[in-house]
Amino acid sequence: MDHSDSNKKTSIHAQRAYSLILSGVAECDTALDQRLLLDSLICQCAVFTRILGGEREFYDLLEKLKRIDLDVAGDLMPATQH
């Protein structure tokens, strides 16, 4: 992700996704359950991206995941304690 993007407001889609994910994680009883939920979400997102967007969009998503900068991600979404 380009660091200049971190100065922009978080999109409504990112905010909604964050809220949905956080509510799902909050329902988990253990850290393992949280991780399994997140792993399942990533896999389902990849499947839907491939079906709805095609091969190019799918591989673009994989590249985005490889390039995640945790310092920037922390600026975009607040840290939470478990």
PDB file of N, CA and C in Angstrom:
ATOM      1  N   MET A   1       0.841  -1.168   0.000  1.00  0.00           N
ATOM      2  CA  MET A   1       0.000   0.000   0.000  1.00  0.00           C
ATOM      3  C   MET A   1       0.885   1.230   0.000  1.00  0.00           C
ATOM      4  N   ASP A   2       0.552   2.218  -0.769  1.00  0.00           N
ATOM      5  CA  ASP A   2       1.275   3.474  -0.832  1.00  0.00           C
ATOM      6  C   ASP A   2       1.007   4.262   0.446  1.00  0.00           C
ATOM      7  N   HIS A   3       2.078   4.745   1.080  1.00  0.00           N
ATOM      8  CA  HIS A   3       1.921   5.472   2.337  1.00  0.00           C
ATOM      9  C   HIS A   3       1.104   6.742   2.187  1.00  0.00           C
ATOM     10  N   SER A   4       1.047   7.323   0.995  1.00  0.00           N
ATOM     11  CA  SER A   4       0.225   8.513   0.786  1.00  0.00           C
ATOM     12  C   SER A   4      -1.254   8.194   0.948  1.00  0.00           C
ATOM     13  N   ASP A   5      -1.626   6.937   0.752  1.00  0.00           N
ATOM     14  CA  ASP A   5      -3.022   6.522   0.930  1.00  0.00           C
ATOM     15  C   ASP A   5      -3.448   6.615   2.390  1.00  0.00           C
ATOM     16  N   SER A   6      -2.504   6.526   3.333  1.00  0.00           N
ATOM     17  CA  SER A   6      -2.860   6.534   4.746  1.00  0.00           C
ATOM     18  C   SER A   6      -3.387   7.894   5.185  1.00  0.00           C
ATOM     19  N   ASN A   7      -3.132   8.933   4.404  1.00  0.00           N
ATOM     20  CA  ASN A   7      -3.634  10.258   4.729  1.00  0.00           C
ATOM     21  C   ASN A   7      -5.095  10.422   4.339  1.00  0.00           C
ATOM     22  N   LYS A   8      -5.610   9.550   3.521  1.00  0.00           N
ATOM     23  CA  LYS A   8      -6.998   9.633   3.075  1.00  0.00           C
ATOM     24  C   LYS A   8      -7.910   9.016   4.127  1.00  0.00           C
ATOM     25  N   LYS A   9      -9.162   9.448   4.122  1.00  0.00           N
ATOM     26  CA  LYS A   9     -10.132   8.858   5.029  1.00  0.00           C
ATOM     27  C   LYS A   9     -10.388   7.409   4.640  1.00  0.00           C
ATOM     28  N   THR A  10     -10.658   6.600   5.635  1.00  0.00           N
ATOM     29  CA  THR A  10     -11.009   5.216   5.391  1.00  0.00           C
ATOM     30  C   THR A  10     -12.334   5.177   4.638  1.00  0.00           C
ATOM     31  N   SER A  11     -12.416   4.340   3.615  1.00  0.00           N
ATOM     32  CA  SER A  11     -13.638   4.267   2.820  1.00  0.00           C
ATOM     33  C   SER A  11     -14.782   3.676   3.633  1.00  0.00           C
ATOM     34  N   ILE A  12     -15.981   3.967   3.206  1.00  0.00           N
ATOM     35  CA  ILE A  12     -17.169   3.427   3.859  1.00  0.00           C
ATOM     36  C   ILE A  12     -17.169   1.903   3.800  1.00  0.00           C
ATOM     37  N   HIS A  13     -16.631   1.343   2.720  1.00  0.00           N
ATOM     38  CA  HIS A  13     -16.568  -0.115   2.592  1.00  0.00           C
ATOM     39  C   HIS A  13     -15.593  -0.705   3.608  1.00  0.00           C
ATOM     40  N   ALA A  14     -14.457  -0.052   3.800  1.00  0.00           N
ATOM     41  CA  ALA A  14     -13.478  -0.525   4.782  1.00  0.00           C
ATOM     42  C   ALA A  14     -14.041  -0.409   6.195  1.00  0.00           C
ATOM     43  N   GLN A  15     -14.751   0.673   6.477  1.00  0.00           N
ATOM     44  CA  GLN A  15     -15.352   0.850   7.798  1.00  0.00           C
ATOM     45  C   GLN A  15     -16.408  -0.219   8.067  1.00  0.00           C
ATOM     46  N   ARG A  16     -17.216  -0.505   7.065  1.00  0.00           N
ATOM     47  CA  ARG A  16     -18.263  -1.522   7.232  1.00  0.00           C
ATOM     48  C   ARG A  16     -17.643  -2.901   7.424  1.00  0.00           C
ATOM     49  N   ALA A  17     -16.626  -3.217   6.615  1.00  0.00           N
ATOM     50  CA  ALA A  17     -15.942  -4.505   6.747  1.00  0.00           C
ATOM     51  C   ALA A  17     -15.326  -4.635   8.135  1.00  0.00           C
ATOM     52  N   TYR A  18     -14.695  -3.578   8.608  1.00  0.00           N
ATOM     53  CA  TYR A  18     -14.074  -3.594   9.932  1.00  0.00           C
ATOM     54  C   TYR A  18     -15.119  -3.865  11.012  1.00  0.00           C
ATOM     55  N   SER A  19     -16.258  -3.190  10.930  1.00  0.00           N
ATOM     56  CA  SER A  19     -17.330  -3.387  11.914  1.00  0.00           C
ATOM     57  C   SER A  19     -17.857  -4.815  11.890  1.00  0.00           C
ATOM     58  N   LEU A  20     -18.073  -5.350  10.689  1.00  0.00           N
ATOM     59  CA  LEU A  20     -18.566  -6.729  10.569  1.00  0.00           C
ATOM     60  C   LEU A  20     -17.562  -7.727  11.139  1.00  0.00           C
ATOM     61  N   ILE A  21     -16.298  -7.531  10.801  1.00  0.00           N
ATOM     62  CA  ILE A  21     -15.258  -8.441  11.291  1.00  0.00           C
ATOM     63  C   ILE A  21     -15.133  -8.337  12.801  1.00  0.00           C
ATOM     64  N   LEU A  22     -15.104  -7.122  13.328  1.00  0.00           N
ATOM     65  CA  LEU A  22     -14.963  -6.931  14.765  1.00  0.00           C
ATOM     66  C   LEU A  22     -16.121  -7.560  15.526  1.00  0.00           C
ATOM     67  N   SER A  23     -17.341  -7.443  14.994  1.00  0.00           N
ATOM     68  CA  SER A  23     -18.486  -8.051  15.681  1.00  0.00           C
ATOM     69  C   SER A  23     -18.381  -9.574  15.667  1.00  0.00           C
ATOM     70  N   GLY A  24     -17.887 -10.142  14.566  1.00  0.00           N
ATOM     71  CA  GLY A  24     -17.691 -11.590  14.507  1.00  0.00           C
ATOM     72  C   GLY A  24     -16.606 -12.061  15.456  1.00  0.00           C
ATOM     73  N   VAL A  25     -15.510 -11.328  15.514  1.00  0.00           N
ATOM     74  CA  VAL A  25     -14.401 -11.677  16.406  1.00  0.00           C
ATOM     75  C   VAL A  25     -14.851 -11.588  17.861  1.00  0.00           C
ATOM     76  N   ALA A  26     -15.675 -10.599  18.178  1.00  0.00           N
ATOM     77  CA  ALA A  26     -16.158 -10.423  19.547  1.00  0.00           C
ATOM     78  C   ALA A  26     -17.012 -11.602  20.010  1.00  0.00           C
ATOM     79  N   GLU A  27     -17.628 -12.307  19.079  1.00  0.00           N
ATOM     80  CA  GLU A  27     -18.460 -13.457  19.426  1.00  0.00           C
ATOM     81  C   GLU A  27     -17.649 -14.723  19.679  1.00  0.00           C
ATOM     82  N   CYS A  28     -16.376 -14.706  19.338  1.00  0.00           N
ATOM     83  CA  CYS A  28     -15.524 -15.885  19.516  1.00  0.00           C
ATOM     84  C   CYS A  28     -15.106 -16.015  20.976  1.00  0.00           C
ATOM     85  N   ASP A  29     -15.021 -17.257  21.445  1.00  0.00           N
ATOM     86  CA  ASP A  29     -14.662 -17.511  22.835  1.00  0.00           C
ATOM     87  C   ASP A  29     -13.160 -17.556  23.072  1.00  0.00           C
ATOM     88  N   THR A  30     -12.391 -17.928  22.058  1.00  0.00           N
ATOM     89  CA  THR A  30     -10.945 -18.080  22.238  1.00  0.00           C
ATOM     90  C   THR A  30     -10.187 -17.379  21.114  1.00  0.00           C
ATOM     91  N   ALA A  31      -8.908 -17.159  21.356  1.00  0.00           N
ATOM     92  CA  ALA A  31      -8.047 -16.572  20.322  1.00  0.00           C
ATOM     93  C   ALA A  31      -7.977 -17.501  19.106  1.00  0.00           C
ATOM     94  N   LEU A  32      -7.992 -18.803  19.346  1.00  0.00           N
ATOM     95  CA  LEU A  32      -7.969 -19.756  18.233  1.00  0.00           C
ATOM     96  C   LEU A  32      -9.233 -19.616  17.392  1.00  0.00           C
ATOM     97  N   ASP A  33     -10.375 -19.499  18.038  1.00  0.00           N
ATOM     98  CA  ASP A  33     -11.627 -19.295  17.300  1.00  0.00           C
ATOM     99  C   ASP A  33     -11.577 -18.003  16.486  1.00  0.00           C
ATOM    100  N   GLN A  34     -10.993 -16.958  17.058  1.00  0.00           N
ATOM    101  CA  GLN A  34     -10.856 -15.697  16.332  1.00  0.00           C
ATOM    102  C   GLN A  34     -10.007 -15.883  15.083  1.00  0.00           C
ATOM    103  N   ARG A  35      -8.867 -16.569  15.233  1.00  0.00           N
ATOM    104  CA  ARG A  35      -7.980 -16.776  14.105  1.00  0.00           C
ATOM    105  C   ARG A  35      -8.634 -17.633  13.038  1.00  0.00           C
ATOM    106  N   LEU A  36      -9.357 -18.667  13.451  1.00  0.00           N
ATOM    107  CA  LEU A  36     -10.051 -19.525  12.488  1.00  0.00           C
ATOM    108  C   LEU A  36     -11.134 -18.747  11.738  1.00  0.00           C
ATOM    109  N   LEU A  37     -11.842 -17.879  12.442  1.00  0.00           N
ATOM    110  CA  LEU A  37     -12.846 -17.041  11.787  1.00  0.00           C
ATOM    111  C   LEU A  37     -12.186 -16.135  10.754  1.00  0.00           C
ATOM    112  N   LEU A  38     -11.097 -15.478  11.135  1.00  0.00           N
ATOM    113  CA  LEU A  38     -10.405 -14.573  10.216  1.00  0.00           C
ATOM    114  C   LEU A  38      -9.845 -15.322   9.018  1.00  0.00           C
ATOM    115  N   ASP A  39      -9.307 -16.508   9.251  1.00  0.00           N
ATOM    116  CA  ASP A  39      -8.797 -17.328   8.148  1.00  0.00           C
ATOM    117  C   ASP A  39      -9.935 -17.689   7.189  1.00  0.00           C
ATOM    118  N   SER A  40     -11.076 -18.058   7.747  1.00  0.00           N
ATOM    119  CA  SER A  40     -12.236 -18.393   6.914  1.00  0.00           C
ATOM    120  C   SER A  40     -12.719 -17.183   6.126  1.00  0.00           C
ATOM    121  N   LEU A  41     -12.726 -16.023   6.758  1.00  0.00           N
ATOM    122  CA  LEU A  41     -13.139 -14.800   6.060  1.00  0.00           C
ATOM    123  C   LEU A  41     -12.222 -14.491   4.884  1.00  0.00           C
ATOM    124  N   ILE A  42     -10.921 -14.624   5.088  1.00  0.00           N
ATOM    125  CA  ILE A  42      -9.974 -14.364   4.003  1.00  0.00           C
ATOM    126  C   ILE A  42     -10.208 -15.336   2.853  1.00  0.00           C
ATOM    127  N   CYS A  43     -10.399 -16.603   3.178  1.00  0.00           N
ATOM    128  CA  CYS A  43     -10.638 -17.604   2.124  1.00  0.00           C
ATOM    129  C   CYS A  43     -11.935 -17.322   1.373  1.00  0.00           C
ATOM    130  N   GLN A  44     -12.989 -16.981   2.097  1.00  0.00           N
ATOM    131  CA  GLN A  44     -14.262 -16.680   1.442  1.00  0.00           C
ATOM    132  C   GLN A  44     -14.148 -15.430   0.572  1.00  0.00           C
ATOM    133  N   CYS A  45     -13.424 -14.422   1.051  1.00  0.00           N
ATOM    134  CA  CYS A  45     -13.207 -13.211   0.239  1.00  0.00           C
ATOM    135  C   CYS A  45     -12.473 -13.555  -1.046  1.00  0.00           C
ATOM    136  N   ALA A  46     -11.477 -14.434  -0.952  1.00  0.00           N
ATOM    137  CA  ALA A  46     -10.729 -14.837  -2.145  1.00  0.00           C
ATOM    138  C   ALA A  46     -11.641 -15.557  -3.134  1.00  0.00           C
ATOM    139  N   VAL A  47     -12.486 -16.446  -2.625  1.00  0.00           N
ATOM    140  CA  VAL A  47     -13.406 -17.182  -3.496  1.00  0.00           C
ATOM    141  C   VAL A  47     -14.372 -16.218  -4.193  1.00  0.00           C
ATOM    142  N   PHE A  48     -14.985 -15.321  -3.421  1.00  0.00           N
ATOM    143  CA  PHE A  48     -15.923 -14.365  -4.016  1.00  0.00           C
ATOM    144  C   PHE A  48     -15.225 -13.434  -5.004  1.00  0.00           C
ATOM    145  N   THR A  49     -14.012 -13.017  -4.680  1.00  0.00           N
ATOM    146  CA  THR A  49     -13.269 -12.154  -5.601  1.00  0.00           C
ATOM    147  C   THR A  49     -13.006 -12.870  -6.910  1.00  0.00           C
ATOM    148  N   ARG A  50     -12.639 -14.130  -6.828  1.00  0.00           N
ATOM    149  CA  ARG A  50     -12.350 -14.904  -8.046  1.00  0.00           C
ATOM    150  C   ARG A  50     -13.617 -15.106  -8.873  1.00  0.00           C
ATOM    151  N   ILE A  51     -14.725 -15.418  -8.206  1.00  0.00           N
ATOM    152  CA  ILE A  51     -15.986 -15.653  -8.920  1.00  0.00           C
ATOM    153  C   ILE A  51     -16.514 -14.357  -9.537  1.00  0.00           C
ATOM    154  N   LEU A  52     -16.532 -13.291  -8.762  1.00  0.00           N
ATOM    155  CA  LEU A  52     -17.148 -12.043  -9.217  1.00  0.00           C
ATOM    156  C   LEU A  52     -16.218 -11.167 -10.049  1.00  0.00           C
ATOM    157  N   GLY A  53     -14.910 -11.258  -9.791  1.00  0.00           N
ATOM    158  CA  GLY A  53     -13.978 -10.371 -10.465  1.00  0.00           C
ATOM    159  C   GLY A  53     -13.070 -11.028 -11.474  1.00  0.00           C
ATOM    160  N   GLY A  54     -12.991 -12.353 -11.425  1.00  0.00           N
ATOM    161  CA  GLY A  54     -12.135 -13.062 -12.357  1.00  0.00           C
ATOM    162  C   GLY A  54     -10.721 -13.269 -11.833  1.00  0.00           C
ATOM    163  N   GLU A  55      -9.927 -13.910 -12.674  1.00  0.00           N
ATOM    164  CA  GLU A  55      -8.564 -14.288 -12.291  1.00  0.00           C
ATOM    165  C   GLU A  55      -7.693 -13.079 -11.946  1.00  0.00           C
ATOM    166  N   ARG A  56      -7.756 -12.030 -12.760  1.00  0.00           N
ATOM    167  CA  ARG A  56      -6.898 -10.856 -12.539  1.00  0.00           C
ATOM    168  C   ARG A  56      -7.184 -10.215 -11.186  1.00  0.00           C
ATOM    169  N   GLU A  57      -8.461 -10.032 -10.873  1.00  0.00           N
ATOM    170  CA  GLU A  57      -8.844  -9.445  -9.583  1.00  0.00           C
ATOM    171  C   GLU A  57      -8.401 -10.338  -8.427  1.00  0.00           C
ATOM    172  N   PHE A  58      -8.522 -11.647  -8.617  1.00  0.00           N
ATOM    173  CA  PHE A  58      -8.107 -12.597  -7.592  1.00  0.00           C
ATOM    174  C   PHE A  58      -6.612 -12.466  -7.316  1.00  0.00           C
ATOM    175  N   TYR A  59      -5.807 -12.447  -8.363  1.00  0.00           N
ATOM    176  CA  TYR A  59      -4.361 -12.331  -8.177  1.00  0.00           C
ATOM    177  C   TYR A  59      -3.971 -10.953  -7.653  1.00  0.00           C
ATOM    178  N   ASP A  60      -4.718  -9.928  -8.009  1.00  0.00           N
ATOM    179  CA  ASP A  60      -4.479  -8.599  -7.442  1.00  0.00           C
ATOM    180  C   ASP A  60      -4.731  -8.606  -5.934  1.00  0.00           C
ATOM    181  N   LEU A  61      -5.783  -9.314  -5.512  1.00  0.00           N
ATOM    182  CA  LEU A  61      -6.070  -9.436  -4.084  1.00  0.00           C
ATOM    183  C   LEU A  61      -4.925 -10.141  -3.363  1.00  0.00           C
ATOM    184  N   LEU A  62      -4.428 -11.224  -3.936  1.00  0.00           N
ATOM    185  CA  LEU A  62      -3.305 -11.936  -3.319  1.00  0.00           C
ATOM    186  C   LEU A  62      -2.086 -11.031  -3.178  1.00  0.00           C
ATOM    187  N   GLU A  63      -1.829 -10.220  -4.187  1.00  0.00           N
ATOM    188  CA  GLU A  63      -0.698  -9.281  -4.126  1.00  0.00           C
ATOM    189  C   GLU A  63      -0.907  -8.240  -3.028  1.00  0.00           C
ATOM    190  N   LYS A  64      -2.132  -7.742  -2.890  1.00  0.00           N
ATOM    191  CA  LYS A  64      -2.425  -6.778  -1.824  1.00  0.00           C
ATOM    192  C   LYS A  64      -2.154  -7.401  -0.460  1.00  0.00           C
ATOM    193  N   LEU A  65      -2.564  -8.649  -0.290  1.00  0.00           N
ATOM    194  CA  LEU A  65      -2.348  -9.326   0.983  1.00  0.00           C
ATOM    195  C   LEU A  65      -0.858  -9.490   1.277  1.00  0.00           C
ATOM    196  N   LYS A  66      -0.079  -9.771   0.240  1.00  0.00           N
ATOM    197  CA  LYS A  66       1.373  -9.927   0.423  1.00  0.00           C
ATOM    198  C   LYS A  66       2.038  -8.616   0.814  1.00  0.00           C
ATOM    199  N   ARG A  67       1.472  -7.499   0.380  1.00  0.00           N
ATOM    200  CA  ARG A  67       2.117  -6.201   0.584  1.00  0.00           C
ATOM    201  C   ARG A  67       1.577  -5.436   1.792  1.00  0.00           C
ATOM    202  N   ILE A  68       0.759  -6.054   2.596  1.00  0.00           N
ATOM    203  CA  ILE A  68       0.189  -5.339   3.737  1.00  0.00           C
ATOM    204  C   ILE A  68       1.311  -4.840   4.632  1.00  0.00           C
ATOM    205  N   ASP A  69       1.261  -3.557   4.917  1.00  0.00           N
ATOM    206  CA  ASP A  69       2.223  -2.906   5.797  1.00  0.00           C
ATOM    207  C   ASP A  69       1.520  -2.718   7.139  1.00  0.00           C
ATOM    208  N   LEU A  70       1.942  -3.459   8.156  1.00  0.00           N
ATOM    209  CA  LEU A  70       1.249  -3.414   9.436  1.00  0.00           C
ATOM    210  C   LEU A  70       1.316  -2.040  10.085  1.00  0.00           C
ATOM    211  N   ASP A  71       2.370  -1.279   9.834  1.00  0.00           N
ATOM    212  CA  ASP A  71       2.439   0.074  10.379  1.00  0.00           C
ATOM    213  C   ASP A  71       1.339   0.945   9.791  1.00  0.00           C
ATOM    214  N   VAL A  72       1.126   0.840   8.488  1.00  0.00           N
ATOM    215  CA  VAL A  72       0.079   1.614   7.820  1.00  0.00           C
ATOM    216  C   VAL A  72      -1.289   1.080   8.211  1.00  0.00           C
ATOM    217  N   ALA A  73      -1.436  -0.236   8.272  1.00  0.00           N
ATOM    218  CA  ALA A  73      -2.722  -0.832   8.633  1.00  0.00           C
ATOM    219  C   ALA A  73      -3.140  -0.373  10.024  1.00  0.00           C
ATOM    220  N   GLY A  74      -2.190  -0.249  10.928  1.00  0.00           N
ATOM    221  CA  GLY A  74      -2.490   0.234  12.267  1.00  0.00           C
ATOM    222  C   GLY A  74      -2.993   1.661  12.274  1.00  0.00           C
ATOM    223  N   ASP A  75      -2.505   2.474  11.341  1.00  0.00           N
ATOM    224  CA  ASP A  75      -2.974   3.852  11.228  1.00  0.00           C
ATOM    225  C   ASP A  75      -4.396   3.913  10.689  1.00  0.00           C
ATOM    226  N   LEU A  76      -4.754   2.957   9.827  1.00  0.00           N
ATOM    227  CA  LEU A  76      -6.074   2.969   9.201  1.00  0.00           C
ATOM    228  C   LEU A  76      -7.153   2.423  10.119  1.00  0.00           C
ATOM    229  N   MET A  77      -6.818   1.422  10.901  1.00  0.00           N
ATOM    230  CA  MET A  77      -7.786   0.799  11.783  1.00  0.00           C
ATOM    231  C   MET A  77      -7.240   0.794  13.212  1.00  0.00           C
ATOM    232  N   PRO A  78      -8.071   1.129  14.175  1.00  0.00           N
ATOM    233  CA  PRO A  78      -7.597   1.188  15.553  1.00  0.00           C
ATOM    234  C   PRO A  78      -7.209  -0.190  16.074  1.00  0.00           C
ATOM    235  N   ALA A  79      -6.198  -0.210  16.912  1.00  0.00           N
ATOM    236  CA  ALA A  79      -5.775  -1.464  17.538  1.00  0.00           C
ATOM    237  C   ALA A  79      -6.814  -1.866  18.577  1.00  0.00           C
ATOM    238  N   THR A  80      -6.975  -3.154  18.772  1.00  0.00           N
ATOM    239  CA  THR A  80      -7.911  -3.635  19.774  1.00  0.00           C
ATOM    240  C   THR A  80      -7.201  -4.620  20.676  1.00  0.00           C
ATOM    241  N   GLN A  81      -7.683  -4.732  21.884  1.00  0.00           N
ATOM    242  CA  GLN A  81      -7.142  -5.718  22.812  1.00  0.00           C
ATOM    243  C   GLN A  81      -8.111  -6.883  22.890  1.00  0.00           C
ATOM    244  N   HIS A  82      -7.561  -8.075  23.024  1.00  0.00           N
ATOM    245  CA  HIS A  82      -8.401  -9.273  23.103  1.00  0.00           C
ATOM    246  C   HIS A  82      -8.511  -9.713  24.536  1.00  0.00           C
TER     247      HIS A  82
END
